[in-house]
């Protein structure tokens, strides 16, 4: 006696949202999520989006069937985000996209009423950032006060004010998002007291935004191996931050804080924080972009073997 034939009903694949992006000025739609090397849906990468636009991005360490390493930096490209609405004094910037730059003048009004430019910034969890204003003219740099550069909440209530850097009116604003949440409701504001006699040339400034987070793509404390982190602060300022330890599965293991005195080294035996495991590290801090340098040294006491991994700006 034969059994009746059955038909297996497979579940429908999930509907994946698509988003619009522009690649070299051409607008296309790409899936918000794409399968990674293991078939898991993860956010679509820049290389995948450019591939959908048939734009080749040179790369070396990337392969679609391997985990993302982000070591060689060959695929570095410039990102941007569209402006918010018709107000030319207000812009959206996604700092997760790397270095964003703008050079422009404040809205030219001679009434003496304060004129503010507002930049909306999106910040990743456990990351650090810097905004720099320089090349200022007009009352942006009067009385030794420099540009009025502030980080604010969505209602423009100041959370932090910039500090002077170098000679002249340049100002640097540095901060960390040490929470587990993406922050989208903070602003960076450049303020003026109104333009002077020449509204066409007054209050001109250059603003640059950086993500300053560092990455160390490997540490390993499994077996008898021990990894030591070394970070050098060559500046005349004290630097504060946190080292975030991530498992190979991407889970946060630990986040010890650190303080590095001026012109000093920070040395951490990572086996005291993440014993018996391996993974990656990211380092968020309040130093200026590119000021710090460092590496990890993996030691194998039984053989005397050591392996150095440099600390690099976090790949985007």
C-alpha atoms as a PDB file:
ATOM      1  CA  UNK A   1       0.000   0.000   0.000  1.00  0.00           C
ATOM      2  CA  UNK A   2       1.478   3.291  -1.026  1.00  0.00           C
ATOM      3  CA  UNK A   3       1.169   6.506   0.946  1.00  0.00           C
ATOM      4  CA  UNK A   4      -0.413   9.540  -0.695  1.00  0.00           C
ATOM      5  CA  UNK A   5       2.046  11.995  -2.126  1.00  0.00           C
ATOM      6  CA  UNK A   6       2.648  15.109  -0.035  1.00  0.00           C
ATOM      7  CA  UNK A   7       3.831  18.514  -1.120  1.00  0.00           C
ATOM      8  CA  UNK A   8       6.240  20.415   1.113  1.00  0.00           C
ATOM      9  CA  UNK A   9       5.263  24.039   1.521  1.00  0.00           C
ATOM     10  CA  UNK A  10       8.265  26.241   2.025  1.00  0.00           C
ATOM     11  CA  UNK A  11       7.840  29.537   3.891  1.00  0.00           C
ATOM     12  CA  UNK A  12       7.953  32.640   1.746  1.00  0.00           C
ATOM     13  CA  UNK A  13      11.224  34.561   1.931  1.00  0.00           C
ATOM     14  CA  UNK A  14      11.086  37.692   4.098  1.00  0.00           C
ATOM     15  CA  UNK A  15      10.231  40.963   2.405  1.00  0.00           C
ATOM     16  CA  UNK A  16      13.327  43.143   2.500  1.00  0.00           C
ATOM     17  CA  UNK A  17      12.921  46.907   2.538  1.00  0.00           C
ATOM     18  CA  UNK A  18      14.727  48.813  -0.188  1.00  0.00           C
ATOM     19  CA  UNK A  19      16.384  52.195   0.180  1.00  0.00           C
ATOM     20  CA  UNK A  20      17.464  54.785  -2.376  1.00  0.00           C
ATOM     21  CA  UNK A  21      21.149  55.687  -2.705  1.00  0.00           C
ATOM     22  CA  UNK A  22      23.140  57.681  -5.205  1.00  0.00           C
ATOM     23  CA  UNK A  23      26.353  56.220  -6.615  1.00  0.00           C
ATOM     24  CA  UNK A  24      28.400  58.678  -8.667  1.00  0.00           C
ATOM     25  CA  UNK A  25      25.266  60.802  -9.061  1.00  0.00           C
ATOM     26  CA  UNK A  26      23.051  57.893 -10.219  1.00  0.00           C
ATOM     27  CA  UNK A  27      20.087  57.028  -7.977  1.00  0.00           C
ATOM     28  CA  UNK A  28      19.347  53.332  -7.497  1.00  0.00           C
ATOM     29  CA  UNK A  29      17.415  51.166  -5.046  1.00  0.00           C
ATOM     30  CA  UNK A  30      19.293  48.600  -2.980  1.00  0.00           C
ATOM     31  CA  UNK A  31      18.067  46.184  -0.290  1.00  0.00           C
ATOM     32  CA  UNK A  32      18.512  47.495   3.233  1.00  0.00           C
ATOM     33  CA  UNK A  33      19.685  43.996   4.264  1.00  0.00           C
ATOM     34  CA  UNK A  34      21.812  41.504   2.346  1.00  0.00           C
ATOM     35  CA  UNK A  35      23.068  37.996   3.246  1.00  0.00           C
ATOM     36  CA  UNK A  36      26.556  37.830   4.728  1.00  0.00           C
ATOM     37  CA  UNK A  37      29.094  35.036   4.260  1.00  0.00           C
ATOM     38  CA  UNK A  38      27.018  32.756   6.520  1.00  0.00           C
ATOM     39  CA  UNK A  39      23.694  33.593   4.880  1.00  0.00           C
ATOM     40  CA  UNK A  40      22.512  35.837   7.734  1.00  0.00           C
ATOM     41  CA  UNK A  41      20.753  39.063   6.777  1.00  0.00           C
ATOM     42  CA  UNK A  42      22.897  42.048   7.781  1.00  0.00           C
ATOM     43  CA  UNK A  43      22.983  45.720   6.653  1.00  0.00           C
ATOM     44  CA  UNK A  44      24.028  46.067   3.022  1.00  0.00           C
ATOM     45  CA  UNK A  45      27.620  47.205   2.648  1.00  0.00           C
ATOM     46  CA  UNK A  46      28.954  50.014   0.520  1.00  0.00           C
ATOM     47  CA  UNK A  47      30.676  47.519  -1.802  1.00  0.00           C
ATOM     48  CA  UNK A  48      27.410  45.618  -2.311  1.00  0.00           C
ATOM     49  CA  UNK A  49      25.488  48.829  -3.026  1.00  0.00           C
ATOM     50  CA  UNK A  50      28.092  49.969  -5.547  1.00  0.00           C
ATOM     51  CA  UNK A  51      28.015  46.520  -7.120  1.00  0.00           C
ATOM     52  CA  UNK A  52      24.262  46.889  -7.634  1.00  0.00           C
ATOM     53  CA  UNK A  53      25.040  50.136  -9.477  1.00  0.00           C
ATOM     54  CA  UNK A  54      27.681  48.300 -11.534  1.00  0.00           C
ATOM     55  CA  UNK A  55      30.372  50.524 -10.087  1.00  0.00           C
ATOM     56  CA  UNK A  56      33.560  48.665  -9.247  1.00  0.00           C
ATOM     57  CA  UNK A  57      35.207  49.574  -5.924  1.00  0.00           C
ATOM     58  CA  UNK A  58      38.826  48.372  -5.603  1.00  0.00           C
ATOM     59  CA  UNK A  59      39.286  46.103  -2.594  1.00  0.00           C
ATOM     60  CA  UNK A  60      41.763  43.616  -1.212  1.00  0.00           C
ATOM     61  CA  UNK A  61      40.640  42.121   2.125  1.00  0.00           C
ATOM     62  CA  UNK A  62      36.935  41.777   1.226  1.00  0.00           C
ATOM     63  CA  UNK A  63      35.387  38.587  -0.127  1.00  0.00           C
ATOM     64  CA  UNK A  64      31.633  37.885  -0.107  1.00  0.00           C
ATOM     65  CA  UNK A  65      32.171  34.395   1.332  1.00  0.00           C
ATOM     66  CA  UNK A  66      34.396  35.537   4.211  1.00  0.00           C
ATOM     67  CA  UNK A  67      33.801  37.643   7.352  1.00  0.00           C
ATOM     68  CA  UNK A  68      34.502  41.346   6.917  1.00  0.00           C
ATOM     69  CA  UNK A  69      37.996  42.219   8.146  1.00  0.00           C
ATOM     70  CA  UNK A  70      38.291  45.897   7.202  1.00  0.00           C
ATOM     71  CA  UNK A  71      42.085  45.889   7.291  1.00  0.00           C
ATOM     72  CA  UNK A  72      43.431  47.148   3.978  1.00  0.00           C
ATOM     73  CA  UNK A  73      41.446  50.444   3.636  1.00  0.00           C
ATOM     74  CA  UNK A  74      41.648  50.091  -0.172  1.00  0.00           C
ATOM     75  CA  UNK A  75      37.871  50.454  -0.560  1.00  0.00           C
ATOM     76  CA  UNK A  76      37.704  53.856   1.163  1.00  0.00           C
ATOM     77  CA  UNK A  77      35.197  56.131  -0.605  1.00  0.00           C
ATOM     78  CA  UNK A  78      33.547  59.467   0.176  1.00  0.00           C
ATOM     79  CA  UNK A  79      30.018  59.381   1.562  1.00  0.00           C
ATOM     80  CA  UNK A  80      27.458  62.129   1.943  1.00  0.00           C
ATOM     81  CA  UNK A  81      23.849  62.601   2.995  1.00  0.00           C
ATOM     82  CA  UNK A  82      21.209  64.938   1.568  1.00  0.00           C
ATOM     83  CA  UNK A  83      20.306  68.231   3.146  1.00  0.00           C
ATOM     84  CA  UNK A  84      17.280  68.494   5.428  1.00  0.00           C
ATOM     85  CA  UNK A  85      14.469  70.488   3.876  1.00  0.00           C
ATOM     86  CA  UNK A  86      14.744  73.883   2.174  1.00  0.00           C
ATOM     87  CA  UNK A  87      16.596  75.628   5.023  1.00  0.00           C
ATOM     88  CA  UNK A  88      20.153  76.137   3.776  1.00  0.00           C
ATOM     89  CA  UNK A  89      21.343  76.676   7.365  1.00  0.00           C
ATOM     90  CA  UNK A  90      20.442  73.149   8.395  1.00  0.00           C
ATOM     91  CA  UNK A  91      22.095  69.944   7.206  1.00  0.00           C
ATOM     92  CA  UNK A  92      21.982  66.251   7.937  1.00  0.00           C
ATOM     93  CA  UNK A  93      25.254  64.400   8.398  1.00  0.00           C
ATOM     94  CA  UNK A  94      25.662  60.689   9.082  1.00  0.00           C
ATOM     95  CA  UNK A  95      29.016  60.487  10.843  1.00  0.00           C
ATOM     96  CA  UNK A  96      28.946  56.706  10.516  1.00  0.00           C
ATOM     97  CA  UNK A  97      29.807  57.298   6.858  1.00  0.00           C
ATOM     98  CA  UNK A  98      33.304  58.500   7.758  1.00  0.00           C
ATOM     99  CA  UNK A  99      34.786  61.936   7.200  1.00  0.00           C
ATOM    100  CA  UNK A 100      32.311  64.596   6.078  1.00  0.00           C
ATOM    101  CA  UNK A 101      33.467  68.065   5.051  1.00  0.00           C
ATOM    102  CA  UNK A 102      31.690  71.328   4.306  1.00  0.00           C
ATOM    103  CA  UNK A 103      32.921  74.859   3.568  1.00  0.00           C
ATOM    104  CA  UNK A 104      30.310  77.598   3.502  1.00  0.00           C
ATOM    105  CA  UNK A 105      29.148  80.957   4.842  1.00  0.00           C
ATOM    106  CA  UNK A 106      26.553  81.642   7.485  1.00  0.00           C
ATOM    107  CA  UNK A 107      23.222  83.037   6.306  1.00  0.00           C
ATOM    108  CA  UNK A 108      23.992  86.685   5.444  1.00  0.00           C
ATOM    109  CA  UNK A 109      21.787  88.893   7.613  1.00  0.00           C
ATOM    110  CA  UNK A 110      22.891  92.295   8.874  1.00  0.00           C
ATOM    111  CA  UNK A 111      20.235  92.730  11.548  1.00  0.00           C
ATOM    112  CA  UNK A 112      22.605  91.761  14.354  1.00  0.00           C
ATOM    113  CA  UNK A 113      20.268  88.942  15.339  1.00  0.00           C
ATOM    114  CA  UNK A 114      22.177  85.706  16.115  1.00  0.00           C
ATOM    115  CA  UNK A 115      22.414  83.474  13.053  1.00  0.00           C
ATOM    116  CA  UNK A 116      23.001  79.770  13.629  1.00  0.00           C
ATOM    117  CA  UNK A 117      23.928  76.893  11.356  1.00  0.00           C
ATOM    118  CA  UNK A 118      22.727  73.535  12.633  1.00  0.00           C
ATOM    119  CA  UNK A 119      24.138  70.136  11.634  1.00  0.00           C
ATOM    120  CA  UNK A 120      22.172  66.987  12.477  1.00  0.00           C
ATOM    121  CA  UNK A 121      24.496  64.102  13.327  1.00  0.00           C
ATOM    122  CA  UNK A 122      23.850  60.356  13.552  1.00  0.00           C
ATOM    123  CA  UNK A 123      26.160  58.573  15.975  1.00  0.00           C
ATOM    124  CA  UNK A 124      26.801  54.863  16.369  1.00  0.00           C
ATOM    125  CA  UNK A 125      26.873  53.203  19.809  1.00  0.00           C
ATOM    126  CA  UNK A 126      30.233  53.087  21.595  1.00  0.00           C
ATOM    127  CA  UNK A 127      31.901  55.560  19.225  1.00  0.00           C
ATOM    128  CA  UNK A 128      33.710  58.902  19.338  1.00  0.00           C
ATOM    129  CA  UNK A 129      33.572  61.995  17.130  1.00  0.00           C
ATOM    130  CA  UNK A 130      35.111  65.398  16.444  1.00  0.00           C
ATOM    131  CA  UNK A 131      33.834  68.587  14.795  1.00  0.00           C
ATOM    132  CA  UNK A 132      36.387  71.260  13.827  1.00  0.00           C
ATOM    133  CA  UNK A 133      35.670  74.829  12.727  1.00  0.00           C
ATOM    134  CA  UNK A 134      38.465  76.963  11.308  1.00  0.00           C
ATOM    135  CA  UNK A 135      39.227  79.465   8.509  1.00  0.00           C
ATOM    136  CA  UNK A 136      36.750  81.794  10.180  1.00  0.00           C
ATOM    137  CA  UNK A 137      36.183  85.467   9.455  1.00  0.00           C
ATOM    138  CA  UNK A 138      33.883  88.076  10.924  1.00  0.00           C
ATOM    139  CA  UNK A 139      32.665  87.834  14.488  1.00  0.00           C
ATOM    140  CA  UNK A 140      33.026  84.062  14.560  1.00  0.00           C
ATOM    141  CA  UNK A 141      36.501  84.609  15.938  1.00  0.00           C
ATOM    142  CA  UNK A 142      36.334  87.921  17.771  1.00  0.00           C
ATOM    143  CA  UNK A 143      37.611  88.709  21.244  1.00  0.00           C
ATOM    144  CA  UNK A 144      39.647  85.532  21.377  1.00  0.00           C
ATOM    145  CA  UNK A 145      36.487  83.506  21.803  1.00  0.00           C
ATOM    146  CA  UNK A 146      36.715  81.744  18.452  1.00  0.00           C
ATOM    147  CA  UNK A 147      33.721  80.297  16.628  1.00  0.00           C
ATOM    148  CA  UNK A 148      30.749  79.560  18.827  1.00  0.00           C
ATOM    149  CA  UNK A 149      30.702  75.818  18.255  1.00  0.00           C
ATOM    150  CA  UNK A 150      28.464  73.660  20.435  1.00  0.00           C
ATOM    151  CA  UNK A 151      26.930  70.215  20.680  1.00  0.00           C
ATOM    152  CA  UNK A 152      23.259  70.506  21.572  1.00  0.00           C
ATOM    153  CA  UNK A 153      20.129  68.436  22.046  1.00  0.00           C
ATOM    154  CA  UNK A 154      17.282  68.527  19.527  1.00  0.00           C
ATOM    155  CA  UNK A 155      15.957  71.709  21.157  1.00  0.00           C
ATOM    156  CA  UNK A 156      19.393  73.394  20.750  1.00  0.00           C
ATOM    157  CA  UNK A 157      20.078  73.383  24.488  1.00  0.00           C
ATOM    158  CA  UNK A 158      23.904  73.266  24.786  1.00  0.00           C
ATOM    159  CA  UNK A 159      25.416  69.997  25.979  1.00  0.00           C
ATOM    160  CA  UNK A 160      29.079  70.855  25.324  1.00  0.00           C
ATOM    161  CA  UNK A 161      31.156  73.771  24.044  1.00  0.00           C
ATOM    162  CA  UNK A 162      34.245  73.601  21.859  1.00  0.00           C
ATOM    163  CA  UNK A 163      37.806  74.309  22.960  1.00  0.00           C
ATOM    164  CA  UNK A 164      40.496  76.289  21.147  1.00  0.00           C
ATOM    165  CA  UNK A 165      43.164  74.512  19.129  1.00  0.00           C
ATOM    166  CA  UNK A 166      46.414  75.900  17.775  1.00  0.00           C
ATOM    167  CA  UNK A 167      46.783  79.590  16.932  1.00  0.00           C
ATOM    168  CA  UNK A 168      43.809  81.701  15.878  1.00  0.00           C
ATOM    169  CA  UNK A 169      40.078  81.130  16.031  1.00  0.00           C
ATOM    170  CA  UNK A 170      39.998  77.379  15.288  1.00  0.00           C
ATOM    171  CA  UNK A 171      37.800  75.316  17.610  1.00  0.00           C
ATOM    172  CA  UNK A 172      37.507  71.572  18.231  1.00  0.00           C
ATOM    173  CA  UNK A 173      34.484  69.783  19.676  1.00  0.00           C
ATOM    174  CA  UNK A 174      35.094  66.172  20.747  1.00  0.00           C
ATOM    175  CA  UNK A 175      32.657  63.748  22.324  1.00  0.00           C
ATOM    176  CA  UNK A 176      31.768  60.081  22.813  1.00  0.00           C
ATOM    177  CA  UNK A 177      28.571  58.087  22.538  1.00  0.00           C
ATOM    178  CA  UNK A 178      29.213  55.528  25.266  1.00  0.00           C
ATOM    179  CA  UNK A 179      25.657  54.150  25.170  1.00  0.00           C
ATOM    180  CA  UNK A 180      24.269  51.043  23.477  1.00  0.00           C
ATOM    181  CA  UNK A 181      21.897  53.163  21.372  1.00  0.00           C
ATOM    182  CA  UNK A 182      22.333  55.025  18.123  1.00  0.00           C
ATOM    183  CA  UNK A 183      21.928  58.766  18.728  1.00  0.00           C
ATOM    184  CA  UNK A 184      20.008  60.751  16.102  1.00  0.00           C
ATOM    185  CA  UNK A 185      18.615  63.685  18.098  1.00  0.00           C
ATOM    186  CA  UNK A 186      21.797  65.669  18.770  1.00  0.00           C
ATOM    187  CA  UNK A 187      22.998  68.684  16.823  1.00  0.00           C
ATOM    188  CA  UNK A 188      26.247  70.551  16.207  1.00  0.00           C
ATOM    189  CA  UNK A 189      25.637  74.294  16.069  1.00  0.00           C
ATOM    190  CA  UNK A 190      27.832  77.099  14.700  1.00  0.00           C
ATOM    191  CA  UNK A 191      26.590  80.475  15.922  1.00  0.00           C
ATOM    192  CA  UNK A 192      27.204  84.058  14.868  1.00  0.00           C
ATOM    193  CA  UNK A 193      26.163  87.405  16.312  1.00  0.00           C
ATOM    194  CA  UNK A 194      25.130  88.622  12.861  1.00  0.00           C
ATOM    195  CA  UNK A 195      27.320  89.743   9.978  1.00  0.00           C
ATOM    196  CA  UNK A 196      29.198  93.005   9.918  1.00  0.00           C
ATOM    197  CA  UNK A 197      29.612  95.617   7.211  1.00  0.00           C
ATOM    198  CA  UNK A 198      30.133  93.114   4.395  1.00  0.00           C
ATOM    199  CA  UNK A 199      27.462  90.423   4.503  1.00  0.00           C
ATOM    200  CA  UNK A 200      28.788  88.759   1.350  1.00  0.00           C
ATOM    201  CA  UNK A 201      32.132  87.909   2.956  1.00  0.00           C
ATOM    202  CA  UNK A 202      31.543  87.994   6.694  1.00  0.00           C
ATOM    203  CA  UNK A 203      31.134  84.956   8.918  1.00  0.00           C
ATOM    204  CA  UNK A 204      32.739  82.472   6.536  1.00  0.00           C
ATOM    205  CA  UNK A 205      33.994  79.257   8.086  1.00  0.00           C
ATOM    206  CA  UNK A 206      35.089  75.716   7.286  1.00  0.00           C
ATOM    207  CA  UNK A 207      33.672  72.812   9.268  1.00  0.00           C
ATOM    208  CA  UNK A 208      34.944  69.244   9.287  1.00  0.00           C
ATOM    209  CA  UNK A 209      33.402  66.203  10.959  1.00  0.00           C
ATOM    210  CA  UNK A 210      35.306  63.055  11.855  1.00  0.00           C
ATOM    211  CA  UNK A 211      34.553  59.733  13.451  1.00  0.00           C
ATOM    212  CA  UNK A 212      37.606  59.216  15.667  1.00  0.00           C
ATOM    213  CA  UNK A 213      36.936  55.653  16.849  1.00  0.00           C
ATOM    214  CA  UNK A 214      39.880  53.280  16.490  1.00  0.00           C
ATOM    215  CA  UNK A 215      39.730  49.571  15.701  1.00  0.00           C
ATOM    216  CA  UNK A 216      42.005  46.667  16.522  1.00  0.00           C
ATOM    217  CA  UNK A 217      40.894  43.769  14.312  1.00  0.00           C
ATOM    218  CA  UNK A 218      42.326  41.028  16.504  1.00  0.00           C
ATOM    219  CA  UNK A 219      43.089  40.030  20.063  1.00  0.00           C
ATOM    220  CA  UNK A 220      43.498  36.490  21.396  1.00  0.00           C
ATOM    221  CA  UNK A 221      43.809  35.311  24.979  1.00  0.00           C
ATOM    222  CA  UNK A 222      42.889  31.688  24.292  1.00  0.00           C
ATOM    223  CA  UNK A 223      45.194  28.947  25.570  1.00  0.00           C
ATOM    224  CA  UNK A 224      48.535  30.283  26.733  1.00  0.00           C
ATOM    225  CA  UNK A 225      48.463  33.303  24.417  1.00  0.00           C
ATOM    226  CA  UNK A 226      48.242  36.800  25.928  1.00  0.00           C
ATOM    227  CA  UNK A 227      47.482  40.042  24.074  1.00  0.00           C
ATOM    228  CA  UNK A 228      48.775  43.405  25.316  1.00  0.00           C
ATOM    229  CA  UNK A 229      47.280  46.696  24.111  1.00  0.00           C
ATOM    230  CA  UNK A 230      49.621  49.711  23.845  1.00  0.00           C
ATOM    231  CA  UNK A 231      48.277  53.213  23.078  1.00  0.00           C
ATOM    232  CA  UNK A 232      50.502  56.292  22.760  1.00  0.00           C
ATOM    233  CA  UNK A 233      49.324  59.845  23.487  1.00  0.00           C
ATOM    234  CA  UNK A 234      51.923  62.274  22.042  1.00  0.00           C
ATOM    235  CA  UNK A 235      49.818  65.377  22.781  1.00  0.00           C
ATOM    236  CA  UNK A 236      49.996  67.845  25.666  1.00  0.00           C
ATOM    237  CA  UNK A 237      46.426  66.942  26.720  1.00  0.00           C
ATOM    238  CA  UNK A 238      45.057  64.232  28.984  1.00  0.00           C
ATOM    239  CA  UNK A 239      43.010  61.705  26.996  1.00  0.00           C
ATOM    240  CA  UNK A 240      40.042  59.753  28.365  1.00  0.00           C
ATOM    241  CA  UNK A 241      38.151  56.936  26.716  1.00  0.00           C
ATOM    242  CA  UNK A 242      36.993  53.338  26.783  1.00  0.00           C
ATOM    243  CA  UNK A 243      38.232  50.108  25.217  1.00  0.00           C
ATOM    244  CA  UNK A 244      35.371  47.946  23.942  1.00  0.00           C
ATOM    245  CA  UNK A 245      36.058  44.218  23.720  1.00  0.00           C
ATOM    246  CA  UNK A 246      33.934  42.290  21.210  1.00  0.00           C
ATOM    247  CA  UNK A 247      33.622  38.528  20.863  1.00  0.00           C
ATOM    248  CA  UNK A 248      33.992  36.836  17.485  1.00  0.00           C
ATOM    249  CA  UNK A 249      30.156  36.716  17.424  1.00  0.00           C
ATOM    250  CA  UNK A 250      29.961  40.494  17.891  1.00  0.00           C
ATOM    251  CA  UNK A 251      28.845  40.519  21.540  1.00  0.00           C
ATOM    252  CA  UNK A 252      30.239  43.142  23.917  1.00  0.00           C
ATOM    253  CA  UNK A 253      32.477  41.440  26.488  1.00  0.00           C
ATOM    254  CA  UNK A 254      33.814  44.382  28.519  1.00  0.00           C
ATOM    255  CA  UNK A 255      34.361  48.141  28.301  1.00  0.00           C
ATOM    256  CA  UNK A 256      37.082  49.298  30.722  1.00  0.00           C
ATOM    257  CA  UNK A 257      37.701  53.068  30.882  1.00  0.00           C
ATOM    258  CA  UNK A 258      41.181  54.539  30.578  1.00  0.00           C
ATOM    259  CA  UNK A 259      43.035  57.805  31.118  1.00  0.00           C
ATOM    260  CA  UNK A 260      46.335  58.601  29.376  1.00  0.00           C
ATOM    261  CA  UNK A 261      48.426  61.456  30.741  1.00  0.00           C
ATOM    262  CA  UNK A 262      50.031  63.935  28.342  1.00  0.00           C
ATOM    263  CA  UNK A 263      52.936  62.472  26.335  1.00  0.00           C
ATOM    264  CA  UNK A 264      52.428  59.047  27.916  1.00  0.00           C
ATOM    265  CA  UNK A 265      51.614  55.421  27.125  1.00  0.00           C
ATOM    266  CA  UNK A 266      48.627  53.320  28.124  1.00  0.00           C
ATOM    267  CA  UNK A 267      49.402  49.603  28.465  1.00  0.00           C
ATOM    268  CA  UNK A 268      46.689  47.015  29.140  1.00  0.00           C
ATOM    269  CA  UNK A 269      47.085  43.268  29.571  1.00  0.00           C
ATOM    270  CA  UNK A 270      43.825  42.307  27.867  1.00  0.00           C
ATOM    271  CA  UNK A 271      43.760  38.871  29.505  1.00  0.00           C
ATOM    272  CA  UNK A 272      42.796  40.609  32.760  1.00  0.00           C
ATOM    273  CA  UNK A 273      39.672  41.981  31.067  1.00  0.00           C
ATOM    274  CA  UNK A 274      38.809  39.255  28.540  1.00  0.00           C
ATOM    275  CA  UNK A 275      40.498  36.062  29.773  1.00  0.00           C
ATOM    276  CA  UNK A 276      40.496  32.922  27.658  1.00  0.00           C
ATOM    277  CA  UNK A 277      38.778  34.437  24.616  1.00  0.00           C
ATOM    278  CA  UNK A 278      39.557  36.262  21.399  1.00  0.00           C
ATOM    279  CA  UNK A 279      37.843  38.836  19.236  1.00  0.00           C
ATOM    280  CA  UNK A 280      38.215  42.474  18.234  1.00  0.00           C
ATOM    281  CA  UNK A 281      38.497  45.823  20.009  1.00  0.00           C
ATOM    282  CA  UNK A 282      37.258  49.351  19.343  1.00  0.00           C
ATOM    283  CA  UNK A 283      38.550  52.413  21.174  1.00  0.00           C
ATOM    284  CA  UNK A 284      36.462  55.558  21.733  1.00  0.00           C
ATOM    285  CA  UNK A 285      38.207  58.631  23.165  1.00  0.00           C
ATOM    286  CA  UNK A 286      38.252  62.415  23.446  1.00  0.00           C
ATOM    287  CA  UNK A 287      41.517  63.050  21.575  1.00  0.00           C
ATOM    288  CA  UNK A 288      41.608  64.775  18.199  1.00  0.00           C
ATOM    289  CA  UNK A 289      41.262  62.813  14.962  1.00  0.00           C
ATOM    290  CA  UNK A 290      44.487  60.913  14.257  1.00  0.00           C
ATOM    291  CA  UNK A 291      46.280  62.038  17.430  1.00  0.00           C
ATOM    292  CA  UNK A 292      46.680  58.591  19.002  1.00  0.00           C
ATOM    293  CA  UNK A 293      48.647  55.622  17.764  1.00  0.00           C
ATOM    294  CA  UNK A 294      48.866  52.097  19.082  1.00  0.00           C
ATOM    295  CA  UNK A 295      48.942  48.370  18.526  1.00  0.00           C
ATOM    296  CA  UNK A 296      48.347  45.034  20.182  1.00  0.00           C
ATOM    297  CA  UNK A 297      51.155  42.557  20.789  1.00  0.00           C
ATOM    298  CA  UNK A 298      50.097  38.902  20.964  1.00  0.00           C
ATOM    299  CA  UNK A 299      52.567  36.951  23.086  1.00  0.00           C
ATOM    300  CA  UNK A 300      53.065  33.186  23.192  1.00  0.00           C
ATOM    301  CA  UNK A 301      55.105  32.592  26.375  1.00  0.00           C
ATOM    302  CA  UNK A 302      55.871  28.954  25.572  1.00  0.00           C
ATOM    303  CA  UNK A 303      57.673  29.762  22.318  1.00  0.00           C
ATOM    304  CA  UNK A 304      58.546  33.440  22.702  1.00  0.00           C
ATOM    305  CA  UNK A 305      56.588  34.172  19.506  1.00  0.00           C
ATOM    306  CA  UNK A 306      54.913  37.593  19.210  1.00  0.00           C
ATOM    307  CA  UNK A 307      52.588  39.137  16.634  1.00  0.00           C
ATOM    308  CA  UNK A 308      51.769  42.857  16.278  1.00  0.00           C
ATOM    309  CA  UNK A 309      48.407  44.201  15.050  1.00  0.00           C
ATOM    310  CA  UNK A 310      48.184  47.975  14.469  1.00  0.00           C
ATOM    311  CA  UNK A 311      45.406  50.164  15.852  1.00  0.00           C
ATOM    312  CA  UNK A 312      43.725  51.887  12.880  1.00  0.00           C
ATOM    313  CA  UNK A 313      40.785  54.261  12.326  1.00  0.00           C
ATOM    314  CA  UNK A 314      37.661  52.132  12.359  1.00  0.00           C
ATOM    315  CA  UNK A 315      36.712  51.054   8.822  1.00  0.00           C
ATOM    316  CA  UNK A 316      33.373  52.365   7.590  1.00  0.00           C
END
